[in-house]
Amino acid sequence: MPELPEVETVRQGLAKWVAGRTIATVEVHHPRAIRRHLPGDAHFIAMLQGRTVVDVARRGKYLWLPLDSGDAIVGHLGMSGQLLMQPAEAEDEKHLRIRFTFTDGGPQLRFVDQRTFGGLAVSDGGAELPDEIAHIARDPMDELFDDDAFVARLRGKHTEVKRALLDQTLISGVGNIYADEALWRARLHGARPTDALTGPAARRLLAHVREVLGEAIVAGGTSFDELYVNVNGESGYFDRSLNAYGREGEPCHRCGTPIRREQFMNRSSFSCPRCQPRPRTH
């Protein structure tokens, strides 16, 4: 699933291509793509046609496009969603779900989603911050992210540190890949109890999270298959810089010990047995 760097890469591309443009027509090609817009496709279309996109914003893994009406288009890419800018004459994608054309006749915005886990909706009055995502915490790349509050809440939790990093109400945008990468840099095992972390250790971990996310944004995100691409259809290349995730059996870049894979919440965690020893259980 796309994490913060992938969604931020898409946001930057959309801001360049759609901000300031007025929507001419909207076509909904698959009902699942707007299943979170409960009034249905006719209402979805009516709220958008003739509206101007003011900006493109992000909270964690969610995007929203504020409109001149005060409403907003809210989007989540799910497992395979793509927001692509395409010339009008470009052939329709096999999994095209929604098409937006603009009054200037320029490139279309197309929502393509093979697995249909993602989707778009209109948030009534949601231009500043849609109610649907207001419960999601700020992410560490947000200039208003409160480091002190995060450290206090992290250390006050009675859970494992990796579970805490994936808690979108505590810190948003961090998923499995970047949690593993930050923990590798911090030399922490994901099962380390959060209430056993010292304040300095929690701050170092946050710094590594921010560092990993920033580097991944510069690299255009991480692409393990053809399903994650930016608005121009290009893949990211941060996967070439991974130190832990997906490297089972390969030597740790720091000490040479083979990277291990462990089961974690129906997924996998990757870490170095030497650099990131499992915490002792009593």
C-alpha atoms as a PDB file:
ATOM      1  CA  MET A   1       0.000   0.000   0.000  1.00  0.00           C
ATOM      2  CA  PRO A   2       1.375   3.459  -0.811  1.00  0.00           C
ATOM      3  CA  GLU A   3       2.792   5.207   2.225  1.00  0.00           C
ATOM      4  CA  LEU A   4       3.552   8.886   2.841  1.00  0.00           C
ATOM      5  CA  PRO A   5       6.409   9.283   0.312  1.00  0.00           C
ATOM      6  CA  GLU A   6       4.385   7.736  -2.499  1.00  0.00           C
ATOM      7  CA  VAL A   7       1.297   9.821  -1.720  1.00  0.00           C
ATOM      8  CA  GLU A   8       3.384  12.990  -1.327  1.00  0.00           C
ATOM      9  CA  THR A   9       4.979  12.329  -4.719  1.00  0.00           C
ATOM     10  CA  VAL A  10       1.494  12.080  -6.242  1.00  0.00           C
ATOM     11  CA  ARG A  11       0.392  15.233  -4.372  1.00  0.00           C
ATOM     12  CA  GLN A  12       3.295  17.242  -5.752  1.00  0.00           C
ATOM     13  CA  GLY A  13       2.505  16.117  -9.278  1.00  0.00           C
ATOM     14  CA  LEU A  14      -1.198  16.881  -8.942  1.00  0.00           C
ATOM     15  CA  ALA A  15      -0.495  20.330  -7.504  1.00  0.00           C
ATOM     16  CA  LYS A  16       1.554  21.099 -10.586  1.00  0.00           C
ATOM     17  CA  TRP A  17      -1.040  19.815 -13.054  1.00  0.00           C
ATOM     18  CA  VAL A  18      -4.510  20.521 -11.632  1.00  0.00           C
ATOM     19  CA  ALA A  19      -4.340  23.435  -9.165  1.00  0.00           C
ATOM     20  CA  GLY A  20      -6.148  26.424 -10.634  1.00  0.00           C
ATOM     21  CA  ARG A  21      -7.969  24.416 -13.312  1.00  0.00           C
ATOM     22  CA  THR A  22     -11.751  24.169 -13.618  1.00  0.00           C
ATOM     23  CA  ILE A  23     -13.437  20.782 -13.940  1.00  0.00           C
ATOM     24  CA  ALA A  24     -15.541  20.488 -17.100  1.00  0.00           C
ATOM     25  CA  THR A  25     -16.859  16.923 -16.914  1.00  0.00           C
ATOM     26  CA  VAL A  26     -16.696  13.956 -14.565  1.00  0.00           C
ATOM     27  CA  GLU A  27     -17.250  10.341 -15.630  1.00  0.00           C
ATOM     28  CA  VAL A  28     -17.642   7.530 -13.088  1.00  0.00           C
ATOM     29  CA  HIS A  29     -16.814   4.213 -14.736  1.00  0.00           C
ATOM     30  CA  HIS A  30     -17.048   1.952 -11.676  1.00  0.00           C
ATOM     31  CA  PRO A  31     -19.299   2.421  -8.618  1.00  0.00           C
ATOM     32  CA  ARG A  32     -16.731   1.015  -6.169  1.00  0.00           C
ATOM     33  CA  ALA A  33     -14.440   3.934  -6.956  1.00  0.00           C
ATOM     34  CA  ILE A  34     -16.896   6.287  -5.210  1.00  0.00           C
ATOM     35  CA  ARG A  35     -18.401   3.863  -2.687  1.00  0.00           C
ATOM     36  CA  ARG A  36     -17.461   6.218   0.171  1.00  0.00           C
ATOM     37  CA  HIS A  37     -19.537   8.959  -1.486  1.00  0.00           C
ATOM     38  CA  LEU A  38     -22.836   7.675  -0.144  1.00  0.00           C
ATOM     39  CA  PRO A  39     -25.225   9.920  -2.177  1.00  0.00           C
ATOM     40  CA  GLY A  40     -24.021   8.204  -5.366  1.00  0.00           C
ATOM     41  CA  ASP A  41     -22.501   9.063  -8.718  1.00  0.00           C
ATOM     42  CA  ALA A  42     -25.019  11.698  -9.897  1.00  0.00           C
ATOM     43  CA  HIS A  43     -24.450  13.708  -6.716  1.00  0.00           C
ATOM     44  CA  PHE A  44     -20.672  13.208  -6.960  1.00  0.00           C
ATOM     45  CA  ILE A  45     -20.669  14.580 -10.516  1.00  0.00           C
ATOM     46  CA  ALA A  46     -23.007  17.486  -9.736  1.00  0.00           C
ATOM     47  CA  MET A  47     -20.808  18.691  -6.867  1.00  0.00           C
ATOM     48  CA  LEU A  48     -17.700  18.736  -9.052  1.00  0.00           C
ATOM     49  CA  GLN A  49     -18.583  19.918 -12.538  1.00  0.00           C
ATOM     50  CA  GLY A  50     -17.804  23.623 -12.942  1.00  0.00           C
ATOM     51  CA  ARG A  51     -15.727  23.761  -9.756  1.00  0.00           C
ATOM     52  CA  THR A  52     -12.135  25.005  -9.698  1.00  0.00           C
ATOM     53  CA  VAL A  53      -9.407  23.031  -7.917  1.00  0.00           C
ATOM     54  CA  VAL A  54      -7.732  25.452  -5.506  1.00  0.00           C
ATOM     55  CA  ASP A  55      -4.877  23.288  -4.220  1.00  0.00           C
ATOM     56  CA  VAL A  56      -3.822  19.698  -3.476  1.00  0.00           C
ATOM     57  CA  ALA A  57      -3.239  18.760   0.174  1.00  0.00           C
ATOM     58  CA  ARG A  58      -2.301  15.618   2.097  1.00  0.00           C
ATOM     59  CA  ARG A  59      -2.799  14.194   5.585  1.00  0.00           C
ATOM     60  CA  GLY A  60      -0.826  10.985   6.061  1.00  0.00           C
ATOM     61  CA  LYS A  61      -1.795   8.644   3.212  1.00  0.00           C
ATOM     62  CA  TYR A  62      -4.892  10.650   2.203  1.00  0.00           C
ATOM     63  CA  LEU A  63      -5.102  13.342  -0.455  1.00  0.00           C
ATOM     64  CA  TRP A  64      -7.659  16.077  -0.751  1.00  0.00           C
ATOM     65  CA  LEU A  65      -8.291  18.676  -3.437  1.00  0.00           C
ATOM     66  CA  PRO A  66      -9.884  21.839  -1.985  1.00  0.00           C
ATOM     67  CA  LEU A  67     -12.435  23.384  -4.370  1.00  0.00           C
ATOM     68  CA  ASP A  68     -13.626  26.962  -4.829  1.00  0.00           C
ATOM     69  CA  SER A  69     -17.013  25.844  -3.468  1.00  0.00           C
ATOM     70  CA  GLY A  70     -15.489  25.128  -0.043  1.00  0.00           C
ATOM     71  CA  ASP A  71     -15.899  21.391  -0.634  1.00  0.00           C
ATOM     72  CA  ALA A  72     -13.062  18.977  -1.381  1.00  0.00           C
ATOM     73  CA  ILE A  73     -12.328  15.796  -3.300  1.00  0.00           C
ATOM     74  CA  VAL A  74     -10.923  13.262  -0.817  1.00  0.00           C
ATOM     75  CA  GLY A  75      -8.897  10.357  -2.169  1.00  0.00           C
ATOM     76  CA  HIS A  76      -7.131   7.237  -0.940  1.00  0.00           C
ATOM     77  CA  LEU A  77      -5.056   5.141  -3.339  1.00  0.00           C
ATOM     78  CA  GLY A  78      -5.657   1.839  -1.542  1.00  0.00           C
ATOM     79  CA  MET A  79      -3.441  -0.976  -2.794  1.00  0.00           C
ATOM     80  CA  SER A  80      -3.285  -0.098  -6.470  1.00  0.00           C
ATOM     81  CA  GLY A  81      -4.879   3.305  -7.085  1.00  0.00           C
ATOM     82  CA  GLN A  82      -3.219   5.666  -9.538  1.00  0.00           C
ATOM     83  CA  LEU A  83      -4.007   9.321 -10.283  1.00  0.00           C
ATOM     84  CA  LEU A  84      -2.647   9.924 -13.752  1.00  0.00           C
ATOM     85  CA  MET A  85      -2.458  12.979 -15.986  1.00  0.00           C
ATOM     86  CA  GLN A  86      -3.163  11.908 -19.555  1.00  0.00           C
ATOM     87  CA  PRO A  87      -3.633  13.689 -22.887  1.00  0.00           C
ATOM     88  CA  ALA A  88      -7.242  13.588 -24.085  1.00  0.00           C
ATOM     89  CA  GLU A  89      -6.234  11.422 -27.027  1.00  0.00           C
ATOM     90  CA  ALA A  90      -4.541   8.790 -24.844  1.00  0.00           C
ATOM     91  CA  GLU A  91      -6.233   5.400 -24.905  1.00  0.00           C
ATOM     92  CA  ASP A  92      -8.337   4.563 -21.852  1.00  0.00           C
ATOM     93  CA  GLU A  93      -6.562   2.471 -19.246  1.00  0.00           C
ATOM     94  CA  LYS A  94      -7.929  -1.037 -18.670  1.00  0.00           C
ATOM     95  CA  HIS A  95      -8.820  -0.201 -15.069  1.00  0.00           C
ATOM     96  CA  LEU A  96      -9.993   3.393 -15.570  1.00  0.00           C
ATOM     97  CA  ARG A  97     -12.515   4.187 -12.815  1.00  0.00           C
ATOM     98  CA  ILE A  98     -13.026   7.981 -12.929  1.00  0.00           C
ATOM     99  CA  ARG A  99     -12.162  10.609 -15.554  1.00  0.00           C
ATOM    100  CA  PHE A 100     -11.984  14.374 -15.024  1.00  0.00           C
ATOM    101  CA  THR A 101     -11.725  16.741 -17.976  1.00  0.00           C
ATOM    102  CA  PHE A 102     -11.011  20.446 -17.618  1.00  0.00           C
ATOM    103  CA  THR A 103     -12.344  23.561 -19.316  1.00  0.00           C
ATOM    104  CA  ASP A 104      -8.909  24.435 -20.721  1.00  0.00           C
ATOM    105  CA  GLY A 105      -8.900  21.255 -22.804  1.00  0.00           C
ATOM    106  CA  GLY A 106      -5.539  20.211 -21.330  1.00  0.00           C
ATOM    107  CA  PRO A 107      -4.517  16.879 -19.815  1.00  0.00           C
ATOM    108  CA  GLN A 108      -7.212  14.825 -18.149  1.00  0.00           C
ATOM    109  CA  LEU A 109      -7.013  13.514 -14.587  1.00  0.00           C
ATOM    110  CA  ARG A 110      -7.746   9.799 -14.479  1.00  0.00           C
ATOM    111  CA  PHE A 111      -8.229   7.592 -11.444  1.00  0.00           C
ATOM    112  CA  VAL A 112      -7.085   4.083 -12.339  1.00  0.00           C
ATOM    113  CA  ASP A 113      -7.399   1.249  -9.817  1.00  0.00           C
ATOM    114  CA  GLN A 114      -6.909  -2.422 -10.651  1.00  0.00           C
ATOM    115  CA  ARG A 115      -7.972  -3.825  -7.266  1.00  0.00           C
ATOM    116  CA  THR A 116     -10.606  -1.123  -6.496  1.00  0.00           C
ATOM    117  CA  PHE A 117      -9.567  -0.792  -2.840  1.00  0.00           C
ATOM    118  CA  GLY A 118      -8.966   2.934  -3.290  1.00  0.00           C
ATOM    119  CA  GLY A 119     -11.524   5.575  -4.087  1.00  0.00           C
ATOM    120  CA  LEU A 120     -12.646   9.199  -4.222  1.00  0.00           C
ATOM    121  CA  ALA A 121     -15.451  11.080  -2.482  1.00  0.00           C
ATOM    122  CA  VAL A 122     -16.598  14.668  -2.110  1.00  0.00           C
ATOM    123  CA  SER A 123     -16.344  16.099   1.394  1.00  0.00           C
ATOM    124  CA  ASP A 124     -19.050  18.698   1.981  1.00  0.00           C
ATOM    125  CA  GLY A 125     -17.319  21.818   3.333  1.00  0.00           C
ATOM    126  CA  GLY A 126     -14.024  19.935   3.608  1.00  0.00           C
ATOM    127  CA  ALA A 127     -11.700  22.334   1.794  1.00  0.00           C
ATOM    128  CA  GLU A 128      -9.648  23.185   4.890  1.00  0.00           C
ATOM    129  CA  LEU A 129      -9.638  19.677   6.394  1.00  0.00           C
ATOM    130  CA  PRO A 130     -12.230  17.046   5.485  1.00  0.00           C
ATOM    131  CA  ASP A 131     -14.130  15.649   8.471  1.00  0.00           C
ATOM    132  CA  GLU A 132     -13.510  12.156   7.101  1.00  0.00           C
ATOM    133  CA  ILE A 133      -9.786  12.387   7.867  1.00  0.00           C
ATOM    134  CA  ALA A 134      -9.734  14.815  10.802  1.00  0.00           C
ATOM    135  CA  HIS A 135      -9.004  11.931  13.216  1.00  0.00           C
ATOM    136  CA  ILE A 136      -5.724  11.157  11.454  1.00  0.00           C
ATOM    137  CA  ALA A 137      -2.620  12.580  13.140  1.00  0.00           C
ATOM    138  CA  ARG A 138      -0.285  14.982  11.423  1.00  0.00           C
ATOM    139  CA  ASP A 139       2.734  13.371   9.811  1.00  0.00           C
ATOM    140  CA  PRO A 140       6.363  14.146  10.731  1.00  0.00           C
ATOM    141  CA  MET A 141       6.904  16.092   7.493  1.00  0.00           C
ATOM    142  CA  ASP A 142       4.109  18.509   8.482  1.00  0.00           C
ATOM    143  CA  GLU A 143       5.538  21.806   9.760  1.00  0.00           C
ATOM    144  CA  LEU A 144       2.932  21.780  12.552  1.00  0.00           C
ATOM    145  CA  PHE A 145       3.863  18.293  13.787  1.00  0.00           C
ATOM    146  CA  ASP A 146       4.475  18.490  17.548  1.00  0.00           C
ATOM    147  CA  ASP A 147       7.622  16.504  18.393  1.00  0.00           C
ATOM    148  CA  ASP A 148       7.232  16.896  22.153  1.00  0.00           C
ATOM    149  CA  ALA A 149       3.626  15.713  22.129  1.00  0.00           C
ATOM    150  CA  PHE A 150       4.527  12.723  19.937  1.00  0.00           C
ATOM    151  CA  VAL A 151       7.372  11.640  22.216  1.00  0.00           C
ATOM    152  CA  ALA A 152       5.164  11.950  25.299  1.00  0.00           C
ATOM    153  CA  ARG A 153       2.299   9.984  23.736  1.00  0.00           C
ATOM    154  CA  LEU A 154       4.657   7.314  22.341  1.00  0.00           C
ATOM    155  CA  ARG A 155       6.307   6.713  25.723  1.00  0.00           C
ATOM    156  CA  GLY A 156       2.914   6.742  27.423  1.00  0.00           C
ATOM    157  CA  LYS A 157       1.600   3.880  25.330  1.00  0.00           C
ATOM    158  CA  HIS A 158       1.770   0.250  26.454  1.00  0.00           C
ATOM    159  CA  THR A 159       2.513  -1.354  23.105  1.00  0.00           C
ATOM    160  CA  GLU A 160       5.374  -2.339  20.795  1.00  0.00           C
ATOM    161  CA  VAL A 161       7.238   0.424  19.021  1.00  0.00           C
ATOM    162  CA  LYS A 162       6.453  -0.779  15.491  1.00  0.00           C
ATOM    163  CA  ARG A 163       2.743  -1.039  16.260  1.00  0.00           C
ATOM    164  CA  ALA A 164       2.916   2.540  17.529  1.00  0.00           C
ATOM    165  CA  LEU A 165       4.590   3.767  14.333  1.00  0.00           C
ATOM    166  CA  LEU A 166       1.734   2.236  12.327  1.00  0.00           C
ATOM    167  CA  ASP A 167      -0.928   3.892  14.494  1.00  0.00           C
ATOM    168  CA  GLN A 168      -2.294   6.630  12.225  1.00  0.00           C
ATOM    169  CA  THR A 169      -3.885   8.433  15.187  1.00  0.00           C
ATOM    170  CA  LEU A 170      -0.414   8.850  16.740  1.00  0.00           C
ATOM    171  CA  ILE A 171       1.695   9.563  13.666  1.00  0.00           C
ATOM    172  CA  SER A 172       0.407   9.323  10.104  1.00  0.00           C
ATOM    173  CA  GLY A 173       1.904   8.225   6.819  1.00  0.00           C
ATOM    174  CA  VAL A 174       4.277   5.576   8.182  1.00  0.00           C
ATOM    175  CA  GLY A 175       3.602   2.065   6.920  1.00  0.00           C
ATOM    176  CA  ASN A 176       5.401  -1.255   7.041  1.00  0.00           C
ATOM    177  CA  ILE A 177       8.289  -0.361   4.729  1.00  0.00           C
ATOM    178  CA  TYR A 178       9.342   2.901   6.336  1.00  0.00           C
ATOM    179  CA  ALA A 179       8.758   1.654   9.882  1.00  0.00           C
ATOM    180  CA  ASP A 180      11.254  -1.149   9.253  1.00  0.00           C
ATOM    181  CA  GLU A 181      13.730   1.258   7.678  1.00  0.00           C
ATOM    182  CA  ALA A 182      13.520   3.767  10.531  1.00  0.00           C
ATOM    183  CA  LEU A 183      13.837   1.042  13.161  1.00  0.00           C
ATOM    184  CA  TRP A 184      16.933  -0.330  11.384  1.00  0.00           C
ATOM    185  CA  ARG A 185      18.539   3.105  11.459  1.00  0.00           C
ATOM    186  CA  ALA A 186      17.594   3.549  15.106  1.00  0.00           C
ATOM    187  CA  ARG A 187      18.929   0.048  15.984  1.00  0.00           C
ATOM    188  CA  LEU A 188      15.607  -0.829  17.598  1.00  0.00           C
ATOM    189  CA  HIS A 189      13.647  -4.051  17.261  1.00  0.00           C
ATOM    190  CA  GLY A 190       9.977  -3.471  16.427  1.00  0.00           C
ATOM    191  CA  ALA A 191       8.882  -5.413  19.518  1.00  0.00           C
ATOM    192  CA  ARG A 192      10.618  -2.991  21.901  1.00  0.00           C
ATOM    193  CA  PRO A 193       8.033  -1.749  24.427  1.00  0.00           C
ATOM    194  CA  THR A 194       7.247   1.928  23.891  1.00  0.00           C
ATOM    195  CA  ASP A 195       7.114   2.620  27.634  1.00  0.00           C
ATOM    196  CA  ALA A 196      10.703   1.333  27.911  1.00  0.00           C
ATOM    197  CA  LEU A 197      12.029   3.944  25.476  1.00  0.00           C
ATOM    198  CA  THR A 198      13.944   6.852  26.942  1.00  0.00           C
ATOM    199  CA  GLY A 199      13.078  10.352  25.781  1.00  0.00           C
ATOM    200  CA  PRO A 200      16.317  10.691  23.772  1.00  0.00           C
ATOM    201  CA  ALA A 201      15.755   7.265  22.145  1.00  0.00           C
ATOM    202  CA  ALA A 202      12.217   8.257  21.127  1.00  0.00           C
ATOM    203  CA  ARG A 203      13.520  11.514  19.642  1.00  0.00           C
ATOM    204  CA  ARG A 204      16.249   9.672  17.731  1.00  0.00           C
ATOM    205  CA  LEU A 205      13.635   7.293  16.339  1.00  0.00           C
ATOM    206  CA  LEU A 206      11.466  10.211  15.220  1.00  0.00           C
ATOM    207  CA  ALA A 207      14.490  11.813  13.556  1.00  0.00           C
ATOM    208  CA  HIS A 208      15.156   8.585  11.657  1.00  0.00           C
ATOM    209  CA  VAL A 209      11.493   8.328  10.600  1.00  0.00           C
ATOM    210  CA  ARG A 210      11.677  11.872   9.253  1.00  0.00           C
ATOM    211  CA  GLU A 211      15.004  11.163   7.556  1.00  0.00           C
ATOM    212  CA  VAL A 212      13.753   8.004   5.833  1.00  0.00           C
ATOM    213  CA  LEU A 213      10.535   9.653   4.651  1.00  0.00           C
ATOM    214  CA  GLY A 214      12.418  12.681   3.339  1.00  0.00           C
ATOM    215  CA  GLU A 215      14.886  10.570   1.376  1.00  0.00           C
ATOM    216  CA  ALA A 216      12.062   8.456  -0.046  1.00  0.00           C
ATOM    217  CA  ILE A 217      10.158  11.557  -1.195  1.00  0.00           C
ATOM    218  CA  VAL A 218      13.263  12.759  -3.059  1.00  0.00           C
ATOM    219  CA  ALA A 219      13.516   9.303  -4.675  1.00  0.00           C
ATOM    220  CA  GLY A 220       9.872   9.412  -5.749  1.00  0.00           C
ATOM    221  CA  GLY A 221       8.781   6.699  -3.325  1.00  0.00           C
ATOM    222  CA  THR A 222       9.244   2.941  -3.389  1.00  0.00           C
ATOM    223  CA  SER A 223       8.001   0.803  -6.280  1.00  0.00           C
ATOM    224  CA  PHE A 224       7.957  -2.970  -5.882  1.00  0.00           C
ATOM    225  CA  ASP A 225       5.597  -3.483  -8.833  1.00  0.00           C
ATOM    226  CA  GLU A 226       4.028  -1.500 -11.646  1.00  0.00           C
ATOM    227  CA  LEU A 227       1.021  -0.448  -9.580  1.00  0.00           C
ATOM    228  CA  TYR A 228       2.643   2.477  -7.758  1.00  0.00           C
ATOM    229  CA  VAL A 229       3.523   5.304 -10.154  1.00  0.00           C
ATOM    230  CA  ASN A 230       3.471   9.085 -10.030  1.00  0.00           C
ATOM    231  CA  VAL A 231       1.060  11.243 -12.061  1.00  0.00           C
ATOM    232  CA  ASN A 232       3.270  10.802 -15.135  1.00  0.00           C
ATOM    233  CA  GLY A 233       3.262   7.017 -14.826  1.00  0.00           C
ATOM    234  CA  GLU A 234       6.841   6.830 -13.535  1.00  0.00           C
ATOM    235  CA  SER A 235       8.026   4.477 -10.785  1.00  0.00           C
ATOM    236  CA  GLY A 236       9.915   5.538  -7.676  1.00  0.00           C
ATOM    237  CA  TYR A 237      13.361   4.158  -6.951  1.00  0.00           C
ATOM    238  CA  PHE A 238      13.798   4.283  -3.141  1.00  0.00           C
ATOM    239  CA  ASP A 239      13.689   0.457  -3.141  1.00  0.00           C
ATOM    240  CA  ARG A 240      17.342   0.629  -4.238  1.00  0.00           C
ATOM    241  CA  SER A 241      18.179   2.315  -0.915  1.00  0.00           C
ATOM    242  CA  LEU A 242      16.403  -0.076   1.463  1.00  0.00           C
ATOM    243  CA  ASN A 243      18.487  -1.414   4.347  1.00  0.00           C
ATOM    244  CA  ALA A 244      16.022  -3.848   5.915  1.00  0.00           C
ATOM    245  CA  TYR A 245      12.641  -4.216   4.227  1.00  0.00           C
ATOM    246  CA  GLY A 246      12.457  -7.078   1.723  1.00  0.00           C
ATOM    247  CA  ARG A 247      16.107  -8.108   2.256  1.00  0.00           C
ATOM    248  CA  GLU A 248      15.658 -11.453   4.047  1.00  0.00           C
ATOM    249  CA  GLY A 249      18.935 -13.400   4.075  1.00  0.00           C
ATOM    250  CA  GLU A 250      20.944 -10.540   2.570  1.00  0.00           C
ATOM    251  CA  PRO A 251      23.822  -9.051   4.594  1.00  0.00           C
ATOM    252  CA  CYS A 252      23.087  -6.094   6.849  1.00  0.00           C
ATOM    253  CA  HIS A 253      24.664  -2.994   5.311  1.00  0.00           C
ATOM    254  CA  ARG A 254      26.067  -2.105   8.740  1.00  0.00           C
ATOM    255  CA  CYS A 255      27.412  -5.366  10.210  1.00  0.00           C
ATOM    256  CA  GLY A 256      27.031  -8.059   7.547  1.00  0.00           C
ATOM    257  CA  THR A 257      24.642 -10.284   9.529  1.00  0.00           C
ATOM    258  CA  PRO A 258      21.867 -11.769   7.335  1.00  0.00           C
ATOM    259  CA  ILE A 259      18.623  -9.813   7.607  1.00  0.00           C
ATOM    260  CA  ARG A 260      15.802 -11.780   9.231  1.00  0.00           C
ATOM    261  CA  ARG A 261      12.102 -11.801   8.407  1.00  0.00           C
ATOM    262  CA  GLU A 262       9.489 -12.239  11.141  1.00  0.00           C
ATOM    263  CA  GLN A 263       5.690 -12.442  11.006  1.00  0.00           C
ATOM    264  CA  PHE A 264       3.985  -9.244  12.101  1.00  0.00           C
ATOM    265  CA  MET A 265       0.232  -8.496  11.991  1.00  0.00           C
ATOM    266  CA  ASN A 266      -0.354 -10.683   8.888  1.00  0.00           C
ATOM    267  CA  ARG A 267       2.636  -8.994   7.273  1.00  0.00           C
ATOM    268  CA  SER A 268       6.399  -9.291   7.576  1.00  0.00           C
ATOM    269  CA  SER A 269       8.989  -7.361   9.536  1.00  0.00           C
ATOM    270  CA  PHE A 270      12.622  -7.208   8.490  1.00  0.00           C
ATOM    271  CA  SER A 271      15.493  -6.443  10.855  1.00  0.00           C
ATOM    272  CA  CYS A 272      19.103  -7.237  11.674  1.00  0.00           C
ATOM    273  CA  PRO A 273      19.472  -9.822  14.474  1.00  0.00           C
ATOM    274  CA  ARG A 274      22.754  -8.257  15.612  1.00  0.00           C
ATOM    275  CA  CYS A 275      21.988  -4.544  15.299  1.00  0.00           C
ATOM    276  CA  GLN A 276      18.366  -4.914  16.425  1.00  0.00           C
ATOM    277  CA  PRO A 277      18.220  -7.661  19.066  1.00  0.00           C
ATOM    278  CA  ARG A 278      14.782  -8.743  20.211  1.00  0.00           C
ATOM    279  CA  PRO A 279      13.891  -7.361  23.652  1.00  0.00           C
ATOM    280  CA  ARG A 280      14.129  -9.839  26.495  1.00  0.00           C
ATOM    281  CA  THR A 281      10.822 -11.131  27.801  1.00  0.00           C
ATOM    282  CA  HIS A 282      10.403 -11.808  31.509  1.00  0.00           C
END
